Amino acid sequence: MGRADGPSGPQLPLDSGDTTGVTPAAPAAEHSPAPEKPSKAGRNLPAAIGVGAALGALVIGILLFAPTAWLAVVACAIAIATWEVTKRLREADVRVPRIPLLVGGQAMIWIGWPYDTTGVLAAFAGTVVVSMLWRLFERGLHAQPHNFLRDTAVTVFTAAWLPLLASFATLMVLEDQGAQRVFCLMIVSVSSDIGGYAAGVLFGKHPMAPAISPKKSWEGFAGSLIACVVAGVLTVTLMLDAAWWIGVLLGLLLVLSATAGDLIESQVKRDLGIKDMGTLLPGHGGIMDRLDSILPSAFVTWLVLAAFV
C-alpha cells in the first residue's frame, strides 16, 4: 500500500494493512503507471473484497454448523501466521526457534479445550522455556550463541502476540453461547475495519501516528469508533440478550485494541523493512496482515463478555 509522507520526511512504503488512511498525494511522475490500480487507501479493492467475503462466509458457516471446528480454523491460521512472522524475522537475521513456536502455538490453541485458561498458560510457559533452551543449544553444547538475549526476547514476544492472544478466540467458543461470542468478536472487528476504511478514504486528512503508520488518520479512527459501538450494541443485545451498555463498552474497547493491533504490526514491519508479512491473501497480504487487529481484540472480547455476560 502506498504511503503519504509523514511530517518529518518521506516514509517507507510499508504496511498494506492500514484501513483508516489519509489519502496519499498524487505521484510526481505519471509516465510509469502501475500494472494494478489500487484504491485510494492503497489496496487492490476488488481482490480485498473477494477474499474478505470468502473468509467471512467460512467463519459464518463454521460457527453456525460446526462451532467446535473453530479451533481447527484458528490453529491453522496461527500456524500460517507464525510461519510468516518467523520467516520475516529470520530474513532480518533474528533467529527465533521456529519449531518450538509452531508446536507450542498449537498446544496453546488446543489445550484450552480440556483445561481452559490454566492449560493455555501452562502451554505458553512451556513454549517459552523450550524456546530458550532451543536457542541456547541449537549450535551444540560447545558453541556460544550470538544475540541470545535479543532473539529470546523476540521469541517470547512472538509467542504472546500470536498463539497466546489467539487462544482467547478459541476459549470463547467453548463457553455457553460460544458461537455468538465469537460472532461478537468478528463482527465488531470487521466493523472497525470497514468504518475506518470508509471514513479514512472519504475524509482522512489528519494523520494519527505518521511516524508509524502514515495512512492511518483520526477521521478513520472516528469512523471505526462509530462502527464499533453500533456493531457492539447490536451484537451483544441481539445475539447474547445482554444489556446495551455492554455493547457500548465492547465497541469502545475493541476500537482501541484493533487500532493498537494495527499500529503494533505496522511498527514491526517498519523495523523489518517490509510491506506485508506474506502474500497468501490477494489484496490483504499474509494471514498475519489480517489477524493484526483481531488478536488483541480476541482477548478484550473474552474479558468483557466473561466479566459481564
C-alpha atoms as a PDB file:
ATOM      1  CA  MET A   1       0.000   0.000   0.000  1.00  0.00           C
ATOM      2  CA  GLY A   2       1.395   3.368  -0.902  1.00  0.00           C
ATOM      3  CA  ARG A   3       2.156   5.839   1.839  1.00  0.00           C
ATOM      4  CA  ALA A   4       1.737   9.560   2.349  1.00  0.00           C
ATOM      5  CA  ASP A   5       4.806  11.346   3.651  1.00  0.00           C
ATOM      6  CA  GLY A   6       4.890  11.994   7.366  1.00  0.00           C
ATOM      7  CA  PRO A   7       5.672  15.396   8.877  1.00  0.00           C
ATOM      8  CA  SER A   8       9.335  14.559   9.320  1.00  0.00           C
ATOM      9  CA  GLY A   9      10.003  13.497   5.742  1.00  0.00           C
ATOM     10  CA  PRO A  10       9.210  10.682   3.340  1.00  0.00           C
ATOM     11  CA  GLN A  11       8.150   7.384   4.849  1.00  0.00           C
ATOM     12  CA  LEU A  12       8.863   3.863   3.692  1.00  0.00           C
ATOM     13  CA  PRO A  13       6.129   2.357   1.505  1.00  0.00           C
ATOM     14  CA  LEU A  14       5.230  -0.196   4.123  1.00  0.00           C
ATOM     15  CA  ASP A  15       2.194  -1.732   5.798  1.00  0.00           C
ATOM     16  CA  SER A  16      -0.581  -2.556   3.366  1.00  0.00           C
ATOM     17  CA  GLY A  17      -2.924  -3.487   6.177  1.00  0.00           C
ATOM     18  CA  ASP A  18      -3.987   0.012   7.247  1.00  0.00           C
ATOM     19  CA  THR A  19      -7.620   0.848   6.637  1.00  0.00           C
ATOM     20  CA  THR A  20      -8.063   4.239   8.310  1.00  0.00           C
ATOM     21  CA  GLY A  21      -5.893   6.035   5.842  1.00  0.00           C
ATOM     22  CA  VAL A  22      -5.021   9.555   4.872  1.00  0.00           C
ATOM     23  CA  THR A  23      -5.485   9.855   1.118  1.00  0.00           C
ATOM     24  CA  PRO A  24      -1.950   9.908  -0.368  1.00  0.00           C
ATOM     25  CA  ALA A  25      -0.733  12.737  -2.561  1.00  0.00           C
ATOM     26  CA  ALA A  26      -0.656  12.202  -6.305  1.00  0.00           C
ATOM     27  CA  PRO A  27       2.674  10.878  -7.652  1.00  0.00           C
ATOM     28  CA  ALA A  28       5.029  13.391  -9.172  1.00  0.00           C
ATOM     29  CA  ALA A  29       5.535  11.386 -12.377  1.00  0.00           C
ATOM     30  CA  GLU A  30       2.868   9.526 -14.291  1.00  0.00           C
ATOM     31  CA  HIS A  31       4.862   8.064 -17.151  1.00  0.00           C
ATOM     32  CA  SER A  32       5.244   4.664 -15.416  1.00  0.00           C
ATOM     33  CA  PRO A  33       1.747   3.514 -14.446  1.00  0.00           C
ATOM     34  CA  ALA A  34       1.448   0.582 -12.089  1.00  0.00           C
ATOM     35  CA  PRO A  35       0.058  -2.645 -13.544  1.00  0.00           C
ATOM     36  CA  GLU A  36      -2.760  -2.601 -10.982  1.00  0.00           C
ATOM     37  CA  LYS A  37      -4.687   0.492  -9.951  1.00  0.00           C
ATOM     38  CA  PRO A  38      -5.230   0.330  -6.216  1.00  0.00           C
ATOM     39  CA  SER A  39      -7.941   2.101  -4.325  1.00  0.00           C
ATOM     40  CA  LYS A  40      -7.356   5.424  -2.578  1.00  0.00           C
ATOM     41  CA  ALA A  41      -6.374   3.516   0.535  1.00  0.00           C
ATOM     42  CA  GLY A  42      -3.699   1.727  -1.461  1.00  0.00           C
ATOM     43  CA  ARG A  43      -5.066  -1.811  -1.681  1.00  0.00           C
ATOM     44  CA  ASN A  44      -6.445  -3.879  -4.529  1.00  0.00           C
ATOM     45  CA  LEU A  45     -10.058  -3.303  -3.542  1.00  0.00           C
ATOM     46  CA  PRO A  46     -11.810  -5.991  -5.694  1.00  0.00           C
ATOM     47  CA  ALA A  47      -9.366  -8.650  -4.538  1.00  0.00           C
ATOM     48  CA  ALA A  48      -9.637  -7.474  -0.936  1.00  0.00           C
ATOM     49  CA  ILE A  49     -13.455  -7.592  -1.031  1.00  0.00           C
ATOM     50  CA  GLY A  50     -13.482 -11.026  -2.663  1.00  0.00           C
ATOM     51  CA  VAL A  51     -11.040 -12.542  -0.187  1.00  0.00           C
ATOM     52  CA  GLY A  52     -12.797 -10.874   2.749  1.00  0.00           C
ATOM     53  CA  ALA A  53     -16.191 -12.198   1.629  1.00  0.00           C
ATOM     54  CA  ALA A  54     -14.820 -15.724   1.244  1.00  0.00           C
ATOM     55  CA  LEU A  55     -13.219 -15.659   4.686  1.00  0.00           C
ATOM     56  CA  GLY A  56     -16.400 -14.239   6.194  1.00  0.00           C
ATOM     57  CA  ALA A  57     -18.509 -16.984   4.627  1.00  0.00           C
ATOM     58  CA  LEU A  58     -16.129 -19.618   6.002  1.00  0.00           C
ATOM     59  CA  VAL A  59     -16.311 -18.195   9.522  1.00  0.00           C
ATOM     60  CA  ILE A  60     -20.102 -17.875   9.425  1.00  0.00           C
ATOM     61  CA  GLY A  61     -20.580 -21.409   8.124  1.00  0.00           C
ATOM     62  CA  ILE A  62     -18.318 -22.961  10.744  1.00  0.00           C
ATOM     63  CA  LEU A  63     -19.778 -21.031  13.673  1.00  0.00           C
ATOM     64  CA  LEU A  64     -23.346 -21.828  12.606  1.00  0.00           C
ATOM     65  CA  PHE A  65     -22.959 -25.515  11.790  1.00  0.00           C
ATOM     66  CA  ALA A  66     -19.785 -26.797  13.472  1.00  0.00           C
ATOM     67  CA  PRO A  67     -18.634 -24.411  16.238  1.00  0.00           C
ATOM     68  CA  THR A  68     -16.030 -26.817  17.600  1.00  0.00           C
ATOM     69  CA  ALA A  69     -14.279 -26.766  14.223  1.00  0.00           C
ATOM     70  CA  TRP A  70     -13.451 -23.149  15.019  1.00  0.00           C
ATOM     71  CA  LEU A  71     -10.477 -24.485  16.983  1.00  0.00           C
ATOM     72  CA  ALA A  72      -9.091 -26.079  13.823  1.00  0.00           C
ATOM     73  CA  VAL A  73      -9.569 -22.856  11.858  1.00  0.00           C
ATOM     74  CA  VAL A  74      -7.747 -20.782  14.475  1.00  0.00           C
ATOM     75  CA  ALA A  75      -4.999 -23.401  14.804  1.00  0.00           C
ATOM     76  CA  CYS A  76      -4.419 -23.426  11.045  1.00  0.00           C
ATOM     77  CA  ALA A  77      -4.418 -19.626  10.805  1.00  0.00           C
ATOM     78  CA  ILE A  78      -1.961 -19.268  13.691  1.00  0.00           C
ATOM     79  CA  ALA A  79       0.366 -21.906  12.232  1.00  0.00           C
ATOM     80  CA  ILE A  80       0.500 -19.994   8.922  1.00  0.00           C
ATOM     81  CA  ALA A  81       0.880 -16.628  10.650  1.00  0.00           C
ATOM     82  CA  THR A  82       3.684 -17.985  12.847  1.00  0.00           C
ATOM     83  CA  TRP A  83       5.469 -19.307   9.773  1.00  0.00           C
ATOM     84  CA  GLU A  84       5.112 -15.906   8.066  1.00  0.00           C
ATOM     85  CA  VAL A  85       6.405 -13.952  11.048  1.00  0.00           C
ATOM     86  CA  THR A  86       9.320 -16.285  11.805  1.00  0.00           C
ATOM     87  CA  LYS A  87      10.305 -16.272   8.130  1.00  0.00           C
ATOM     88  CA  ARG A  88      10.400 -12.489   8.081  1.00  0.00           C
ATOM     89  CA  LEU A  89      12.336 -12.383  11.348  1.00  0.00           C
ATOM     90  CA  ARG A  90      14.908 -14.856  10.071  1.00  0.00           C
ATOM     91  CA  GLU A  91      15.302 -12.793   6.902  1.00  0.00           C
ATOM     92  CA  ALA A  92      16.267  -9.936   9.247  1.00  0.00           C
ATOM     93  CA  ASP A  93      18.766 -12.257  10.999  1.00  0.00           C
ATOM     94  CA  VAL A  94      16.638 -12.613  14.129  1.00  0.00           C
ATOM     95  CA  ARG A  95      16.947 -16.318  14.896  1.00  0.00           C
ATOM     96  CA  VAL A  96      13.691 -17.248  16.579  1.00  0.00           C
ATOM     97  CA  PRO A  97      13.191 -21.002  17.158  1.00  0.00           C
ATOM     98  CA  ARG A  98      10.521 -21.834  14.584  1.00  0.00           C
ATOM     99  CA  ILE A  99       9.701 -25.412  15.593  1.00  0.00           C
ATOM    100  CA  PRO A 100       9.077 -24.696  19.295  1.00  0.00           C
ATOM    101  CA  LEU A 101       6.901 -21.723  18.323  1.00  0.00           C
ATOM    102  CA  LEU A 102       4.850 -23.769  15.871  1.00  0.00           C
ATOM    103  CA  VAL A 103       4.405 -26.744  18.208  1.00  0.00           C
ATOM    104  CA  GLY A 104       3.876 -24.597  21.294  1.00  0.00           C
ATOM    105  CA  GLY A 105       1.385 -22.434  19.430  1.00  0.00           C
ATOM    106  CA  GLN A 106      -0.713 -25.463  18.577  1.00  0.00           C
ATOM    107  CA  ALA A 107      -0.541 -26.598  22.181  1.00  0.00           C
ATOM    108  CA  MET A 108      -1.876 -23.230  23.370  1.00  0.00           C
ATOM    109  CA  ILE A 109      -4.802 -23.415  20.954  1.00  0.00           C
ATOM    110  CA  TRP A 110      -5.851 -26.996  21.640  1.00  0.00           C
ATOM    111  CA  ILE A 111      -5.095 -27.431  25.338  1.00  0.00           C
ATOM    112  CA  GLY A 112      -7.662 -24.800  26.241  1.00  0.00           C
ATOM    113  CA  TRP A 113     -10.383 -27.278  25.206  1.00  0.00           C
ATOM    114  CA  PRO A 114      -9.942 -29.593  28.215  1.00  0.00           C
ATOM    115  CA  TYR A 115      -8.010 -27.319  30.595  1.00  0.00           C
ATOM    116  CA  ASP A 116      -9.298 -23.783  29.922  1.00  0.00           C
ATOM    117  CA  THR A 117      -7.053 -20.814  30.782  1.00  0.00           C
ATOM    118  CA  THR A 118      -4.841 -22.892  33.086  1.00  0.00           C
ATOM    119  CA  GLY A 119      -3.870 -25.124  30.190  1.00  0.00           C
ATOM    120  CA  VAL A 120      -3.223 -22.164  27.892  1.00  0.00           C
ATOM    121  CA  LEU A 121      -0.964 -20.500  30.451  1.00  0.00           C
ATOM    122  CA  ALA A 122       0.930 -23.749  31.053  1.00  0.00           C
ATOM    123  CA  ALA A 123       1.427 -24.256  27.314  1.00  0.00           C
ATOM    124  CA  PHE A 124       2.686 -20.686  26.935  1.00  0.00           C
ATOM    125  CA  ALA A 125       5.178 -21.102  29.778  1.00  0.00           C
ATOM    126  CA  GLY A 126       6.340 -24.423  28.346  1.00  0.00           C
ATOM    127  CA  THR A 127       6.810 -22.833  24.914  1.00  0.00           C
ATOM    128  CA  VAL A 128       8.941 -20.067  26.398  1.00  0.00           C
ATOM    129  CA  VAL A 129      11.168 -22.495  28.322  1.00  0.00           C
ATOM    130  CA  VAL A 130      11.654 -24.860  25.372  1.00  0.00           C
ATOM    131  CA  SER A 131      12.335 -21.944  23.025  1.00  0.00           C
ATOM    132  CA  MET A 132      15.021 -20.521  25.320  1.00  0.00           C
ATOM    133  CA  LEU A 133      16.763 -23.889  25.589  1.00  0.00           C
ATOM    134  CA  TRP A 134      16.403 -24.476  21.834  1.00  0.00           C
ATOM    135  CA  ARG A 135      18.050 -21.165  21.040  1.00  0.00           C
ATOM    136  CA  LEU A 136      20.733 -21.709  23.678  1.00  0.00           C
ATOM    137  CA  PHE A 137      21.856 -25.104  22.390  1.00  0.00           C
ATOM    138  CA  GLU A 138      20.923 -25.044  18.701  1.00  0.00           C
ATOM    139  CA  ARG A 139      24.625 -24.900  17.758  1.00  0.00           C
ATOM    140  CA  GLY A 140      25.554 -27.603  20.222  1.00  0.00           C
ATOM    141  CA  LEU A 141      26.821 -27.674  23.775  1.00  0.00           C
ATOM    142  CA  HIS A 142      30.240 -26.242  22.941  1.00  0.00           C
ATOM    143  CA  ALA A 143      29.212 -23.255  20.814  1.00  0.00           C
ATOM    144  CA  GLN A 144      28.288 -19.872  22.255  1.00  0.00           C
ATOM    145  CA  PRO A 145      25.016 -18.473  20.824  1.00  0.00           C
ATOM    146  CA  HIS A 146      25.050 -14.963  19.350  1.00  0.00           C
ATOM    147  CA  ASN A 147      22.359 -12.371  20.171  1.00  0.00           C
ATOM    148  CA  PHE A 148      20.747 -14.814  22.593  1.00  0.00           C
ATOM    149  CA  LEU A 149      19.012 -12.157  24.681  1.00  0.00           C
ATOM    150  CA  ARG A 150      17.592 -10.309  21.654  1.00  0.00           C
ATOM    151  CA  ASP A 151      16.408 -13.466  19.904  1.00  0.00           C
ATOM    152  CA  THR A 152      14.858 -14.912  23.064  1.00  0.00           C
ATOM    153  CA  ALA A 153      13.004 -11.666  23.797  1.00  0.00           C
ATOM    154  CA  VAL A 154      11.584 -11.599  20.259  1.00  0.00           C
ATOM    155  CA  THR A 155      10.618 -15.270  20.614  1.00  0.00           C
ATOM    156  CA  VAL A 156       8.640 -14.596  23.814  1.00  0.00           C
ATOM    157  CA  PHE A 157       7.011 -11.583  22.135  1.00  0.00           C
ATOM    158  CA  THR A 158       6.007 -13.724  19.131  1.00  0.00           C
ATOM    159  CA  ALA A 159       4.557 -16.484  21.326  1.00  0.00           C
ATOM    160  CA  ALA A 160       2.461 -13.948  23.229  1.00  0.00           C
ATOM    161  CA  TRP A 161       1.490 -11.912  20.163  1.00  0.00           C
ATOM    162  CA  LEU A 162       0.200 -14.801  18.073  1.00  0.00           C
ATOM    163  CA  PRO A 163      -0.892 -18.054  19.755  1.00  0.00           C
ATOM    164  CA  LEU A 164      -1.462 -16.742  23.268  1.00  0.00           C
ATOM    165  CA  LEU A 165      -3.815 -13.964  22.148  1.00  0.00           C
ATOM    166  CA  ALA A 166      -5.459 -16.264  19.589  1.00  0.00           C
ATOM    167  CA  SER A 167      -6.233 -18.816  22.289  1.00  0.00           C
ATOM    168  CA  PHE A 168      -8.851 -16.462  23.735  1.00  0.00           C
ATOM    169  CA  ALA A 169     -10.806 -16.716  20.491  1.00  0.00           C
ATOM    170  CA  THR A 170     -10.978 -20.491  20.960  1.00  0.00           C
ATOM    171  CA  LEU A 171     -11.755 -20.271  24.669  1.00  0.00           C
ATOM    172  CA  MET A 172     -14.853 -18.220  23.847  1.00  0.00           C
ATOM    173  CA  VAL A 173     -16.331 -20.805  21.502  1.00  0.00           C
ATOM    174  CA  LEU A 174     -16.154 -23.438  24.259  1.00  0.00           C
ATOM    175  CA  GLU A 175     -18.353 -21.392  26.619  1.00  0.00           C
ATOM    176  CA  ASP A 176     -22.142 -21.083  26.736  1.00  0.00           C
ATOM    177  CA  GLN A 177     -23.320 -19.204  23.631  1.00  0.00           C
ATOM    178  CA  GLY A 178     -19.805 -19.713  22.353  1.00  0.00           C
ATOM    179  CA  ALA A 179     -20.554 -19.194  18.677  1.00  0.00           C
ATOM    180  CA  GLN A 180     -22.421 -15.972  19.450  1.00  0.00           C
ATOM    181  CA  ARG A 181     -19.481 -14.702  21.492  1.00  0.00           C
ATOM    182  CA  VAL A 182     -17.113 -15.293  18.597  1.00  0.00           C
ATOM    183  CA  PHE A 183     -19.590 -13.599  16.261  1.00  0.00           C
ATOM    184  CA  CYS A 184     -19.421 -10.528  18.522  1.00  0.00           C
ATOM    185  CA  LEU A 185     -15.635 -10.501  18.181  1.00  0.00           C
ATOM    186  CA  MET A 186     -15.619 -10.943  14.419  1.00  0.00           C
ATOM    187  CA  ILE A 187     -18.493  -8.584  13.579  1.00  0.00           C
ATOM    188  CA  VAL A 188     -17.218  -5.730  15.737  1.00  0.00           C
ATOM    189  CA  SER A 189     -13.641  -6.213  14.470  1.00  0.00           C
ATOM    190  CA  VAL A 190     -14.768  -6.215  10.839  1.00  0.00           C
ATOM    191  CA  SER A 191     -16.942  -3.167  11.519  1.00  0.00           C
ATOM    192  CA  SER A 192     -13.886  -1.346  12.811  1.00  0.00           C
ATOM    193  CA  ASP A 193     -12.049  -2.178   9.597  1.00  0.00           C
ATOM    194  CA  ILE A 194     -14.927  -1.140   7.326  1.00  0.00           C
ATOM    195  CA  GLY A 195     -15.805   2.018   9.253  1.00  0.00           C
ATOM    196  CA  GLY A 196     -12.182   3.102   9.391  1.00  0.00           C
ATOM    197  CA  TYR A 197     -11.608   2.347   5.725  1.00  0.00           C
ATOM    198  CA  ALA A 198     -14.656   4.302   4.553  1.00  0.00           C
ATOM    199  CA  ALA A 199     -14.088   7.318   6.789  1.00  0.00           C
ATOM    200  CA  GLY A 200     -10.355   7.345   6.094  1.00  0.00           C
ATOM    201  CA  VAL A 201     -10.766   7.286   2.326  1.00  0.00           C
ATOM    202  CA  LEU A 202     -13.558   9.861   2.284  1.00  0.00           C
ATOM    203  CA  PHE A 203     -12.441  12.269   4.990  1.00  0.00           C
ATOM    204  CA  GLY A 204      -8.926  11.322   6.082  1.00  0.00           C
ATOM    205  CA  LYS A 205      -6.798  14.464   6.441  1.00  0.00           C
ATOM    206  CA  HIS A 206      -5.089  14.333   9.825  1.00  0.00           C
ATOM    207  CA  PRO A 207      -2.547  11.522  10.405  1.00  0.00           C
ATOM    208  CA  MET A 208      -2.863   9.705  13.706  1.00  0.00           C
ATOM    209  CA  ALA A 209       0.654   8.296  14.038  1.00  0.00           C
ATOM    210  CA  PRO A 210       2.588   9.371  10.928  1.00  0.00           C
ATOM    211  CA  ALA A 211       5.913   8.017  12.160  1.00  0.00           C
ATOM    212  CA  ILE A 212       4.419   4.532  12.497  1.00  0.00           C
ATOM    213  CA  SER A 213       1.557   4.368  10.007  1.00  0.00           C
ATOM    214  CA  PRO A 214       1.264   7.499   7.848  1.00  0.00           C
ATOM    215  CA  LYS A 215      -2.018   6.457   6.220  1.00  0.00           C
ATOM    216  CA  LYS A 216      -3.923   5.996   9.482  1.00  0.00           C
ATOM    217  CA  SER A 217      -5.993   9.100  10.209  1.00  0.00           C
ATOM    218  CA  TRP A 218      -8.032  10.478  13.069  1.00  0.00           C
ATOM    219  CA  GLU A 219     -11.039  10.679  10.749  1.00  0.00           C
ATOM    220  CA  GLY A 220     -10.654   6.987  10.033  1.00  0.00           C
ATOM    221  CA  PHE A 221     -10.406   6.287  13.759  1.00  0.00           C
ATOM    222  CA  ALA A 222     -13.662   8.181  14.296  1.00  0.00           C
ATOM    223  CA  GLY A 223     -15.312   6.038  11.628  1.00  0.00           C
ATOM    224  CA  SER A 224     -14.032   2.899  13.342  1.00  0.00           C
ATOM    225  CA  LEU A 225     -15.295   4.164  16.703  1.00  0.00           C
ATOM    226  CA  ILE A 226     -18.826   4.781  15.453  1.00  0.00           C
ATOM    227  CA  ALA A 227     -18.963   1.465  13.580  1.00  0.00           C
ATOM    228  CA  CYS A 228     -17.626  -0.495  16.565  1.00  0.00           C
ATOM    229  CA  VAL A 229     -20.085   0.966  19.056  1.00  0.00           C
ATOM    230  CA  VAL A 230     -23.068   0.381  16.760  1.00  0.00           C
ATOM    231  CA  ALA A 231     -21.950  -3.169  15.977  1.00  0.00           C
ATOM    232  CA  GLY A 232     -21.201  -3.838  19.638  1.00  0.00           C
ATOM    233  CA  VAL A 233     -24.664  -2.776  20.788  1.00  0.00           C
ATOM    234  CA  LEU A 234     -26.412  -4.767  18.050  1.00  0.00           C
ATOM    235  CA  THR A 235     -24.426  -7.973  18.504  1.00  0.00           C
ATOM    236  CA  VAL A 236     -24.487  -8.009  22.300  1.00  0.00           C
ATOM    237  CA  THR A 237     -28.206  -7.234  22.589  1.00  0.00           C
ATOM    238  CA  LEU A 238     -29.438  -9.399  19.700  1.00  0.00           C
ATOM    239  CA  MET A 239     -27.073 -12.374  19.969  1.00  0.00           C
ATOM    240  CA  LEU A 240     -26.374 -12.565  23.697  1.00  0.00           C
ATOM    241  CA  ASP A 241     -29.528 -10.870  25.029  1.00  0.00           C
ATOM    242  CA  ALA A 242     -27.326  -8.704  27.245  1.00  0.00           C
ATOM    243  CA  ALA A 243     -27.536  -5.048  28.283  1.00  0.00           C
ATOM    244  CA  TRP A 244     -26.883  -2.421  25.628  1.00  0.00           C
ATOM    245  CA  TRP A 245     -24.183  -0.714  27.694  1.00  0.00           C
ATOM    246  CA  ILE A 246     -22.074  -3.875  27.499  1.00  0.00           C
ATOM    247  CA  GLY A 247     -22.139  -3.482  23.723  1.00  0.00           C
ATOM    248  CA  VAL A 248     -21.047   0.139  24.054  1.00  0.00           C
ATOM    249  CA  LEU A 249     -18.185  -0.900  26.334  1.00  0.00           C
ATOM    250  CA  LEU A 250     -17.182  -3.694  23.964  1.00  0.00           C
ATOM    251  CA  GLY A 251     -17.218  -1.344  20.983  1.00  0.00           C
ATOM    252  CA  LEU A 252     -15.146   1.308  22.743  1.00  0.00           C
ATOM    253  CA  LEU A 253     -12.532  -1.169  23.908  1.00  0.00           C
ATOM    254  CA  LEU A 254     -12.357  -3.026  20.608  1.00  0.00           C
ATOM    255  CA  VAL A 255     -11.721   0.102  18.576  1.00  0.00           C
ATOM    256  CA  LEU A 256      -8.742   0.747  20.853  1.00  0.00           C
ATOM    257  CA  SER A 257      -7.459  -2.828  20.708  1.00  0.00           C
ATOM    258  CA  ALA A 258      -7.948  -3.101  16.941  1.00  0.00           C
ATOM    259  CA  THR A 259      -6.158   0.193  16.322  1.00  0.00           C
ATOM    260  CA  ALA A 260      -3.362  -0.802  18.687  1.00  0.00           C
ATOM    261  CA  GLY A 261      -3.011  -4.132  16.884  1.00  0.00           C
ATOM    262  CA  ASP A 262      -2.718  -2.366  13.525  1.00  0.00           C
ATOM    263  CA  LEU A 263      -0.098   0.045  14.842  1.00  0.00           C
ATOM    264  CA  ILE A 264       1.929  -2.700  16.527  1.00  0.00           C
ATOM    265  CA  GLU A 265       2.156  -4.740  13.349  1.00  0.00           C
ATOM    266  CA  SER A 266       2.940  -1.589  11.347  1.00  0.00           C
ATOM    267  CA  GLN A 267       5.892  -0.847  13.606  1.00  0.00           C
ATOM    268  CA  VAL A 268       7.114  -4.446  13.461  1.00  0.00           C
ATOM    269  CA  LYS A 269       7.037  -4.310   9.659  1.00  0.00           C
ATOM    270  CA  ARG A 270       8.855  -0.978   9.678  1.00  0.00           C
ATOM    271  CA  ASP A 271      11.549  -2.420  11.923  1.00  0.00           C
ATOM    272  CA  LEU A 272      11.916  -5.305   9.467  1.00  0.00           C
ATOM    273  CA  GLY A 273      11.735  -3.046   6.393  1.00  0.00           C
ATOM    274  CA  ILE A 274       8.873  -4.945   4.741  1.00  0.00           C
ATOM    275  CA  LYS A 275       5.480  -4.072   3.299  1.00  0.00           C
ATOM    276  CA  ASP A 276       3.498  -7.227   4.181  1.00  0.00           C
ATOM    277  CA  MET A 277       4.119 -10.279   6.326  1.00  0.00           C
ATOM    278  CA  GLY A 278       3.120 -12.544   3.431  1.00  0.00           C
ATOM    279  CA  THR A 279       1.381 -12.803   0.074  1.00  0.00           C
ATOM    280  CA  LEU A 280      -1.178 -15.546   0.664  1.00  0.00           C
ATOM    281  CA  LEU A 281      -4.289 -13.325   0.566  1.00  0.00           C
ATOM    282  CA  PRO A 282      -4.632 -11.079  -2.525  1.00  0.00           C
ATOM    283  CA  GLY A 283      -5.476  -7.518  -1.542  1.00  0.00           C
ATOM    284  CA  HIS A 284      -4.625  -8.189   2.090  1.00  0.00           C
ATOM    285  CA  GLY A 285      -1.075  -9.545   2.277  1.00  0.00           C
ATOM    286  CA  GLY A 286      -0.457 -12.507   4.529  1.00  0.00           C
ATOM    287  CA  ILE A 287      -2.590 -14.194   7.161  1.00  0.00           C
ATOM    288  CA  MET A 288      -0.856 -12.127   9.829  1.00  0.00           C
ATOM    289  CA  ASP A 289      -1.838  -8.938   7.998  1.00  0.00           C
ATOM    290  CA  ARG A 290      -5.484  -9.913   8.606  1.00  0.00           C
ATOM    291  CA  LEU A 291      -5.006 -11.022  12.206  1.00  0.00           C
ATOM    292  CA  ASP A 292      -3.169  -7.947  13.488  1.00  0.00           C
ATOM    293  CA  SER A 293      -6.273  -6.208  14.857  1.00  0.00           C
ATOM    294  CA  ILE A 294      -8.211  -9.386  15.719  1.00  0.00           C
ATOM    295  CA  LEU A 295      -5.606 -10.925  18.038  1.00  0.00           C
ATOM    296  CA  PRO A 296      -5.664  -8.290  20.813  1.00  0.00           C
ATOM    297  CA  SER A 297      -9.409  -7.859  20.244  1.00  0.00           C
ATOM    298  CA  ALA A 298      -9.920 -11.575  20.978  1.00  0.00           C
ATOM    299  CA  PHE A 299      -8.530 -11.111  24.476  1.00  0.00           C
ATOM    300  CA  VAL A 300     -10.556  -7.930  25.054  1.00  0.00           C
ATOM    301  CA  THR A 301     -13.794  -9.581  23.871  1.00  0.00           C
ATOM    302  CA  TRP A 302     -13.198 -12.657  26.013  1.00  0.00           C
ATOM    303  CA  LEU A 303     -12.522 -10.465  29.058  1.00  0.00           C
ATOM    304  CA  VAL A 304     -15.561  -8.188  28.625  1.00  0.00           C
ATOM    305  CA  LEU A 305     -18.008 -10.980  27.912  1.00  0.00           C
ATOM    306  CA  ALA A 306     -16.626 -13.208  30.684  1.00  0.00           C
ATOM    307  CA  ALA A 307     -16.966 -10.352  33.165  1.00  0.00           C
ATOM    308  CA  PHE A 308     -20.399  -9.000  32.253  1.00  0.00           C
ATOM    309  CA  VAL A 309     -22.384 -11.587  30.248  1.00  0.00           C
END
